[in-house]
């Protein structure tokens, strides 16, 4: 395991500290979870951007044209 030193604005540190206390977690745990979530979001965004480059709007429209234009079953309505 590695140690990371980072400078945070005082206001952010207080929020992290308060949240960690309220959730009965350590500041290290809060920072690790938050950083993991953000990295995951960035990786997902990059993945979706790359997949979108391979997509074809025309092929998407062709698939949609195959869908019948009927009302959904009652159990399937919002």
PDB file of N, CA and C in Angstrom:
ATOM      1  N   UNK A   1       0.847  -1.174   0.000  1.00  0.00           N
ATOM      2  CA  UNK A   1       0.000   0.000   0.000  1.00  0.00           C
ATOM      3  C   UNK A   1       0.890   1.233   0.000  1.00  0.00           C
ATOM      4  N   UNK A   2       0.470   2.248  -0.722  1.00  0.00           N
ATOM      5  CA  UNK A   2       1.242   3.483  -0.848  1.00  0.00           C
ATOM      6  C   UNK A   2       0.605   4.588  -0.025  1.00  0.00           C
ATOM      7  N   UNK A   3       1.417   5.530   0.369  1.00  0.00           N
ATOM      8  CA  UNK A   3       0.940   6.711   1.083  1.00  0.00           C
ATOM      9  C   UNK A   3       0.915   7.870   0.100  1.00  0.00           C
ATOM     10  N   UNK A   4      -0.182   8.599   0.113  1.00  0.00           N
ATOM     11  CA  UNK A   4      -0.347   9.749  -0.760  1.00  0.00           C
ATOM     12  C   UNK A   4      -0.493  10.994   0.100  1.00  0.00           C
ATOM     13  N   UNK A   5       0.312  11.975  -0.192  1.00  0.00           N
ATOM     14  CA  UNK A   5       0.192  13.239   0.526  1.00  0.00           C
ATOM     15  C   UNK A   5      -0.447  14.230  -0.425  1.00  0.00           C
ATOM     16  N   UNK A   6      -1.479  14.896   0.031  1.00  0.00           N
ATOM     17  CA  UNK A   6      -2.170  15.866  -0.818  1.00  0.00           C
ATOM     18  C   UNK A   6      -2.599  17.053   0.025  1.00  0.00           C
ATOM     19  N   UNK A   7      -2.627  18.198  -0.597  1.00  0.00           N
ATOM     20  CA  UNK A   7      -3.104  19.388   0.089  1.00  0.00           C
ATOM     21  C   UNK A   7      -4.556  19.622  -0.318  1.00  0.00           C
ATOM     22  N   UNK A   8      -5.397  19.855   0.680  1.00  0.00           N
ATOM     23  CA  UNK A   8      -6.811  20.115   0.451  1.00  0.00           C
ATOM     24  C   UNK A   8      -7.167  21.480   1.015  1.00  0.00           C
ATOM     25  N   UNK A   9      -8.115  22.143   0.394  1.00  0.00           N
ATOM     26  CA  UNK A   9      -8.614  23.364   1.021  1.00  0.00           C
ATOM     27  C   UNK A   9      -9.211  23.014   2.391  1.00  0.00           C
ATOM     28  N   UNK A  10      -9.073  23.914   3.333  1.00  0.00           N
ATOM     29  CA  UNK A  10      -9.577  23.661   4.687  1.00  0.00           C
ATOM     30  C   UNK A  10     -11.059  23.294   4.678  1.00  0.00           C
ATOM     31  N   UNK A  11     -11.838  23.985   3.853  1.00  0.00           N
ATOM     32  CA  UNK A  11     -13.280  23.722   3.824  1.00  0.00           C
ATOM     33  C   UNK A  11     -13.584  22.297   3.363  1.00  0.00           C
ATOM     34  N   UNK A  12     -12.842  21.799   2.380  1.00  0.00           N
ATOM     35  CA  UNK A  12     -13.053  20.429   1.913  1.00  0.00           C
ATOM     36  C   UNK A  12     -12.620  19.432   2.970  1.00  0.00           C
ATOM     37  N   UNK A  13     -11.504  19.693   3.608  1.00  0.00           N
ATOM     38  CA  UNK A  13     -11.033  18.788   4.653  1.00  0.00           C
ATOM     39  C   UNK A  13     -12.065  18.694   5.783  1.00  0.00           C
ATOM     40  N   UNK A  14     -12.645  19.822   6.174  1.00  0.00           N
ATOM     41  CA  UNK A  14     -13.667  19.803   7.239  1.00  0.00           C
ATOM     42  C   UNK A  14     -14.868  18.966   6.830  1.00  0.00           C
ATOM     43  N   UNK A  15     -15.271  19.083   5.566  1.00  0.00           N
ATOM     44  CA  UNK A  15     -16.402  18.274   5.077  1.00  0.00           C
ATOM     45  C   UNK A  15     -16.065  16.792   5.106  1.00  0.00           C
ATOM     46  N   UNK A  16     -14.870  16.452   4.660  1.00  0.00           N
ATOM     47  CA  UNK A  16     -14.437  15.046   4.689  1.00  0.00           C
ATOM     48  C   UNK A  16     -14.407  14.541   6.119  1.00  0.00           C
ATOM     49  N   UNK A  17     -13.862  15.342   6.995  1.00  0.00           N
ATOM     50  CA  UNK A  17     -13.768  14.964   8.403  1.00  0.00           C
ATOM     51  C   UNK A  17     -15.150  14.763   9.012  1.00  0.00           C
ATOM     52  N   UNK A  18     -16.063  15.678   8.747  1.00  0.00           N
ATOM     53  CA  UNK A  18     -17.427  15.560   9.267  1.00  0.00           C
ATOM     54  C   UNK A  18     -18.122  14.322   8.718  1.00  0.00           C
ATOM     55  N   UNK A  19     -17.969  14.089   7.424  1.00  0.00           N
ATOM     56  CA  UNK A  19     -18.612  12.937   6.814  1.00  0.00           C
ATOM     57  C   UNK A  19     -18.038  11.634   7.357  1.00  0.00           C
ATOM     58  N   UNK A  20     -16.733  11.576   7.485  1.00  0.00           N
ATOM     59  CA  UNK A  20     -16.092  10.373   8.026  1.00  0.00           C
ATOM     60  C   UNK A  20     -16.605  10.087   9.433  1.00  0.00           C
ATOM     61  N   UNK A  21     -16.722  11.124  10.235  1.00  0.00           N
ATOM     62  CA  UNK A  21     -17.222  10.944  11.599  1.00  0.00           C
ATOM     63  C   UNK A  21     -18.667  10.450  11.585  1.00  0.00           C
ATOM     64  N   UNK A  22     -19.493  11.072  10.770  1.00  0.00           N
ATOM     65  CA  UNK A  22     -20.912  10.690  10.742  1.00  0.00           C
ATOM     66  C   UNK A  22     -21.125   9.274  10.225  1.00  0.00           C
ATOM     67  N   UNK A  23     -20.221   8.803   9.366  1.00  0.00           N
ATOM     68  CA  UNK A  23     -20.344   7.452   8.799  1.00  0.00           C
ATOM     69  C   UNK A  23     -19.504   6.421   9.549  1.00  0.00           C
ATOM     70  N   UNK A  24     -18.843   6.859  10.594  1.00  0.00           N
ATOM     71  CA  UNK A  24     -17.980   5.970  11.398  1.00  0.00           C
ATOM     72  C   UNK A  24     -16.897   5.315  10.532  1.00  0.00           C
ATOM     73  N   UNK A  25     -16.293   6.136   9.692  1.00  0.00           N
ATOM     74  CA  UNK A  25     -15.215   5.687   8.822  1.00  0.00           C
ATOM     75  C   UNK A  25     -14.003   6.576   9.049  1.00  0.00           C
ATOM     76  N   UNK A  26     -12.859   6.072   8.633  1.00  0.00           N
ATOM     77  CA  UNK A  26     -11.656   6.906   8.726  1.00  0.00           C
ATOM     78  C   UNK A  26     -11.589   7.843   7.524  1.00  0.00           C
ATOM     79  N   UNK A  27     -10.835   8.903   7.671  1.00  0.00           N
ATOM     80  CA  UNK A  27     -10.636   9.820   6.549  1.00  0.00           C
ATOM     81  C   UNK A  27      -9.964   9.083   5.402  1.00  0.00           C
ATOM     82  N   UNK A  28      -9.043   8.201   5.711  1.00  0.00           N
ATOM     83  CA  UNK A  28      -8.395   7.406   4.665  1.00  0.00           C
ATOM     84  C   UNK A  28      -9.423   6.611   3.858  1.00  0.00           C
ATOM     85  N   UNK A  29     -10.386   6.006   4.554  1.00  0.00           N
ATOM     86  CA  UNK A  29     -11.411   5.225   3.851  1.00  0.00           C
ATOM     87  C   UNK A  29     -12.258   6.118   2.948  1.00  0.00           C
ATOM     88  N   UNK A  30     -12.651   7.287   3.446  1.00  0.00           N
ATOM     89  CA  UNK A  30     -13.463   8.202   2.655  1.00  0.00           C
ATOM     90  C   UNK A  30     -12.702   8.652   1.414  1.00  0.00           C
ATOM     91  N   UNK A  31     -11.459   9.035   1.579  1.00  0.00           N
ATOM     92  CA  UNK A  31     -10.656   9.505   0.452  1.00  0.00           C
ATOM     93  C   UNK A  31     -10.442   8.378  -0.552  1.00  0.00           C
ATOM     94  N   UNK A  32     -10.180   7.177  -0.084  1.00  0.00           N
ATOM     95  CA  UNK A  32      -9.968   6.037  -0.984  1.00  0.00           C
ATOM     96  C   UNK A  32     -11.215   5.741  -1.802  1.00  0.00           C
ATOM     97  N   UNK A  33     -12.376   5.724  -1.151  1.00  0.00           N
ATOM     98  CA  UNK A  33     -13.628   5.448  -1.863  1.00  0.00           C
ATOM     99  C   UNK A  33     -13.928   6.565  -2.868  1.00  0.00           C
ATOM    100  N   UNK A  34     -13.763   7.811  -2.438  1.00  0.00           N
ATOM    101  CA  UNK A  34     -14.047   8.941  -3.327  1.00  0.00           C
ATOM    102  C   UNK A  34     -13.119   8.941  -4.536  1.00  0.00           C
ATOM    103  N   UNK A  35     -11.850   8.702  -4.324  1.00  0.00           N
ATOM    104  CA  UNK A  35     -10.889   8.680  -5.421  1.00  0.00           C
ATOM    105  C   UNK A  35     -11.165   7.512  -6.360  1.00  0.00           C
ATOM    106  N   UNK A  36     -11.487   6.361  -5.799  1.00  0.00           N
ATOM    107  CA  UNK A  36     -11.825   5.193  -6.621  1.00  0.00           C
ATOM    108  C   UNK A  36     -13.042   5.469  -7.494  1.00  0.00           C
ATOM    109  N   UNK A  37     -14.058   6.084  -6.924  1.00  0.00           N
ATOM    110  CA  UNK A  37     -15.271   6.391  -7.681  1.00  0.00           C
ATOM    111  C   UNK A  37     -14.980   7.362  -8.810  1.00  0.00           C
ATOM    112  N   UNK A  38     -14.176   8.364  -8.550  1.00  0.00           N
ATOM    113  CA  UNK A  38     -13.872   9.353  -9.587  1.00  0.00           C
ATOM    114  C   UNK A  38     -13.037   8.752 -10.703  1.00  0.00           C
ATOM    115  N   UNK A  39     -12.038   7.957 -10.355  1.00  0.00           N
ATOM    116  CA  UNK A  39     -11.216   7.293 -11.379  1.00  0.00           C
ATOM    117  C   UNK A  39     -12.092   6.383 -12.234  1.00  0.00           C
ATOM    118  N   UNK A  40     -12.990   5.638 -11.595  1.00  0.00           N
ATOM    119  CA  UNK A  40     -13.908   4.765 -12.320  1.00  0.00           C
ATOM    120  C   UNK A  40     -14.780   5.566 -13.281  1.00  0.00           C
ATOM    121  N   UNK A  41     -15.263   6.711 -12.851  1.00  0.00           N
ATOM    122  CA  UNK A  41     -16.088   7.558 -13.717  1.00  0.00           C
ATOM    123  C   UNK A  41     -15.287   8.035 -14.923  1.00  0.00           C
ATOM    124  N   UNK A  42     -14.051   8.456 -14.705  1.00  0.00           N
ATOM    125  CA  UNK A  42     -13.219   8.913 -15.821  1.00  0.00           C
ATOM    126  C   UNK A  42     -12.937   7.779 -16.801  1.00  0.00           C
ATOM    127  N   UNK A  43     -12.640   6.586 -16.286  1.00  0.00           N
ATOM    128  CA  UNK A  43     -12.370   5.437 -17.154  1.00  0.00           C
ATOM    129  C   UNK A  43     -13.617   5.082 -17.960  1.00  0.00           C
ATOM    130  N   UNK A  44     -14.770   5.101 -17.306  1.00  0.00           N
ATOM    131  CA  UNK A  44     -16.029   4.790 -17.986  1.00  0.00           C
ATOM    132  C   UNK A  44     -16.311   5.813 -19.077  1.00  0.00           C
ATOM    133  N   UNK A  45     -16.097   7.089 -18.798  1.00  0.00           N
ATOM    134  CA  UNK A  45     -16.317   8.142 -19.790  1.00  0.00           C
ATOM    135  C   UNK A  45     -15.423   7.905 -21.001  1.00  0.00           C
ATOM    136  N   UNK A  46     -14.172   7.596 -20.763  1.00  0.00           N
ATOM    137  CA  UNK A  46     -13.243   7.348 -21.866  1.00  0.00           C
ATOM    138  C   UNK A  46     -13.666   6.119 -22.671  1.00  0.00           C
ATOM    139  N   UNK A  47     -14.099   5.061 -21.980  1.00  0.00           N
ATOM    140  CA  UNK A  47     -14.541   3.841 -22.644  1.00  0.00           C
ATOM    141  C   UNK A  47     -15.752   4.128 -23.535  1.00  0.00           C
ATOM    142  N   UNK A  48     -16.733   4.846 -22.987  1.00  0.00           N
ATOM    143  CA  UNK A  48     -17.938   5.150 -23.759  1.00  0.00           C
ATOM    144  C   UNK A  48     -17.622   6.056 -24.947  1.00  0.00           C
ATOM    145  N   UNK A  49     -16.693   6.972 -24.765  1.00  0.00           N
ATOM    146  CA  UNK A  49     -16.295   7.848 -25.868  1.00  0.00           C
ATOM    147  C   UNK A  49     -15.667   7.024 -26.994  1.00  0.00           C
ATOM    148  N   UNK A  50     -14.817   6.085 -26.650  1.00  0.00           N
ATOM    149  CA  UNK A  50     -14.193   5.233 -27.668  1.00  0.00           C
ATOM    150  C   UNK A  50     -15.218   4.349 -28.359  1.00  0.00           C
ATOM    151  N   UNK A  51     -16.165   3.792 -27.587  1.00  0.00           N
ATOM    152  CA  UNK A  51     -17.218   2.956 -28.186  1.00  0.00           C
ATOM    153  C   UNK A  51     -18.094   3.778 -29.117  1.00  0.00           C
ATOM    154  N   UNK A  52     -18.372   5.012 -28.734  1.00  0.00           N
ATOM    155  CA  UNK A  52     -19.217   5.874 -29.562  1.00  0.00           C
ATOM    156  C   UNK A  52     -18.568   6.144 -30.915  1.00  0.00           C
ATOM    157  N   UNK A  53     -17.250   6.214 -30.951  1.00  0.00           N
ATOM    158  CA  UNK A  53     -16.544   6.446 -32.219  1.00  0.00           C
ATOM    159  C   UNK A  53     -16.791   5.294 -33.198  1.00  0.00           C
ATOM    160  N   UNK A  54     -16.992   4.086 -32.668  1.00  0.00           N
ATOM    161  CA  UNK A  54     -17.193   2.922 -33.527  1.00  0.00           C
ATOM    162  C   UNK A  54     -18.645   2.758 -33.934  1.00  0.00           C
ATOM    163  N   UNK A  55     -19.522   3.522 -33.320  1.00  0.00           N
ATOM    164  CA  UNK A  55     -20.951   3.389 -33.596  1.00  0.00           C
ATOM    165  C   UNK A  55     -21.340   3.996 -34.935  1.00  0.00           C
ATOM    166  N   UNK A  56     -22.526   3.631 -35.368  1.00  0.00           N
ATOM    167  CA  UNK A  56     -23.052   4.146 -36.624  1.00  0.00           C
ATOM    168  C   UNK A  56     -24.492   4.575 -36.399  1.00  0.00           C
ATOM    169  N   UNK A  57     -24.765   5.849 -36.630  1.00  0.00           N
ATOM    170  CA  UNK A  57     -26.133   6.354 -36.462  1.00  0.00           C
ATOM    171  C   UNK A  57     -27.072   5.660 -37.450  1.00  0.00           C
ATOM    172  N   UNK A  58     -26.605   5.390 -38.659  1.00  0.00           N
ATOM    173  CA  UNK A  58     -27.442   4.728 -39.664  1.00  0.00           C
ATOM    174  C   UNK A  58     -27.828   3.323 -39.216  1.00  0.00           C
ATOM    175  N   UNK A  59     -26.878   2.568 -38.688  1.00  0.00           N
ATOM    176  CA  UNK A  59     -27.187   1.211 -38.212  1.00  0.00           C
ATOM    177  C   UNK A  59     -28.149   1.260 -37.038  1.00  0.00           C
ATOM    178  N   UNK A  60     -27.981   2.248 -36.168  1.00  0.00           N
ATOM    179  CA  UNK A  60     -28.887   2.412 -35.040  1.00  0.00           C
ATOM    180  C   UNK A  60     -30.312   2.664 -35.538  1.00  0.00           C
ATOM    181  N   UNK A  61     -30.450   3.519 -36.531  1.00  0.00           N
ATOM    182  CA  UNK A  61     -31.766   3.812 -37.098  1.00  0.00           C
ATOM    183  C   UNK A  61     -32.375   2.563 -37.741  1.00  0.00           C
ATOM    184  N   UNK A  62     -31.548   1.746 -38.391  1.00  0.00           N
ATOM    185  CA  UNK A  62     -32.037   0.512 -39.003  1.00  0.00           C
ATOM    186  C   UNK A  62     -32.598  -0.438 -37.947  1.00  0.00           C
ATOM    187  N   UNK A  63     -31.926  -0.517 -36.822  1.00  0.00           N
ATOM    188  CA  UNK A  63     -32.403  -1.381 -35.736  1.00  0.00           C
ATOM    189  C   UNK A  63     -33.713  -0.838 -35.185  1.00  0.00           C
ATOM    190  N   UNK A  64     -33.799   0.460 -34.980  1.00  0.00           N
ATOM    191  CA  UNK A  64     -35.029   1.047 -34.448  1.00  0.00           C
ATOM    192  C   UNK A  64     -36.215   0.837 -35.374  1.00  0.00           C
ATOM    193  N   UNK A  65     -35.967   0.823 -36.677  1.00  0.00           N
ATOM    194  CA  UNK A  65     -37.046   0.617 -37.634  1.00  0.00           C
ATOM    195  C   UNK A  65     -37.657  -0.778 -37.515  1.00  0.00           C
ATOM    196  N   UNK A  66     -36.941  -1.719 -36.940  1.00  0.00           N
ATOM    197  CA  UNK A  66     -37.446  -3.079 -36.761  1.00  0.00           C
ATOM    198  C   UNK A  66     -38.377  -3.205 -35.555  1.00  0.00           C
ATOM    199  N   UNK A  67     -38.375  -2.206 -34.694  1.00  0.00           N
ATOM    200  CA  UNK A  67     -39.208  -2.246 -33.497  1.00  0.00           C
ATOM    201  C   UNK A  67     -40.635  -1.878 -33.879  1.00  0.00           C
ATOM    202  N   UNK A  68     -41.584  -2.734 -33.481  1.00  0.00           N
ATOM    203  CA  UNK A  68     -42.976  -2.446 -33.831  1.00  0.00           C
ATOM    204  C   UNK A  68     -43.491  -1.247 -33.045  1.00  0.00           C
ATOM    205  N   UNK A  69     -44.369  -0.506 -33.651  1.00  0.00           N
ATOM    206  CA  UNK A  69     -44.903   0.722 -33.063  1.00  0.00           C
ATOM    207  C   UNK A  69     -46.228   0.410 -32.372  1.00  0.00           C
ATOM    208  N   UNK A  70     -46.134  -0.273 -31.223  1.00  0.00           N
ATOM    209  CA  UNK A  70     -47.338  -0.625 -30.469  1.00  0.00           C
ATOM    210  C   UNK A  70     -47.173  -0.165 -29.024  1.00  0.00           C
ATOM    211  N   UNK A  71     -48.288  -0.019 -28.340  1.00  0.00           N
ATOM    212  CA  UNK A  71     -48.265   0.348 -26.932  1.00  0.00           C
ATOM    213  C   UNK A  71     -47.681  -0.812 -26.116  1.00  0.00           C
ATOM    214  N   UNK A  72     -46.917  -0.498 -25.071  1.00  0.00           N
ATOM    215  CA  UNK A  72     -46.384  -1.575 -24.227  1.00  0.00           C
ATOM    216  C   UNK A  72     -47.495  -2.233 -23.408  1.00  0.00           C
ATOM    217  N   UNK A  73     -47.215  -3.431 -22.952  1.00  0.00           N
ATOM    218  CA  UNK A  73     -48.161  -4.121 -22.076  1.00  0.00           C
ATOM    219  C   UNK A  73     -48.355  -3.277 -20.825  1.00  0.00           C
ATOM    220  N   UNK A  74     -49.477  -3.446 -20.152  1.00  0.00           N
ATOM    221  CA  UNK A  74     -49.801  -2.643 -18.980  1.00  0.00           C
ATOM    222  C   UNK A  74     -48.724  -2.739 -17.896  1.00  0.00           C
ATOM    223  N   UNK A  75     -48.203  -3.950 -17.698  1.00  0.00           N
ATOM    224  CA  UNK A  75     -47.190  -4.161 -16.655  1.00  0.00           C
ATOM    225  C   UNK A  75     -45.847  -3.507 -17.011  1.00  0.00           C
ATOM    226  N   UNK A  76     -45.696  -3.101 -18.257  1.00  0.00           N
ATOM    227  CA  UNK A  76     -44.429  -2.555 -18.718  1.00  0.00           C
ATOM    228  C   UNK A  76     -44.452  -1.035 -18.860  1.00  0.00           C
ATOM    229  N   UNK A  77     -45.543  -0.421 -18.458  1.00  0.00           N
ATOM    230  CA  UNK A  77     -45.661   1.034 -18.537  1.00  0.00           C
ATOM    231  C   UNK A  77     -45.142   1.669 -17.281  1.00  0.00           C
ATOM    232  N   UNK A  78     -44.679   2.893 -17.422  1.00  0.00           N
ATOM    233  CA  UNK A  78     -44.212   3.647 -16.253  1.00  0.00           C
ATOM    234  C   UNK A  78     -45.374   4.310 -15.571  1.00  0.00           C
TER     235      UNK A  78
END
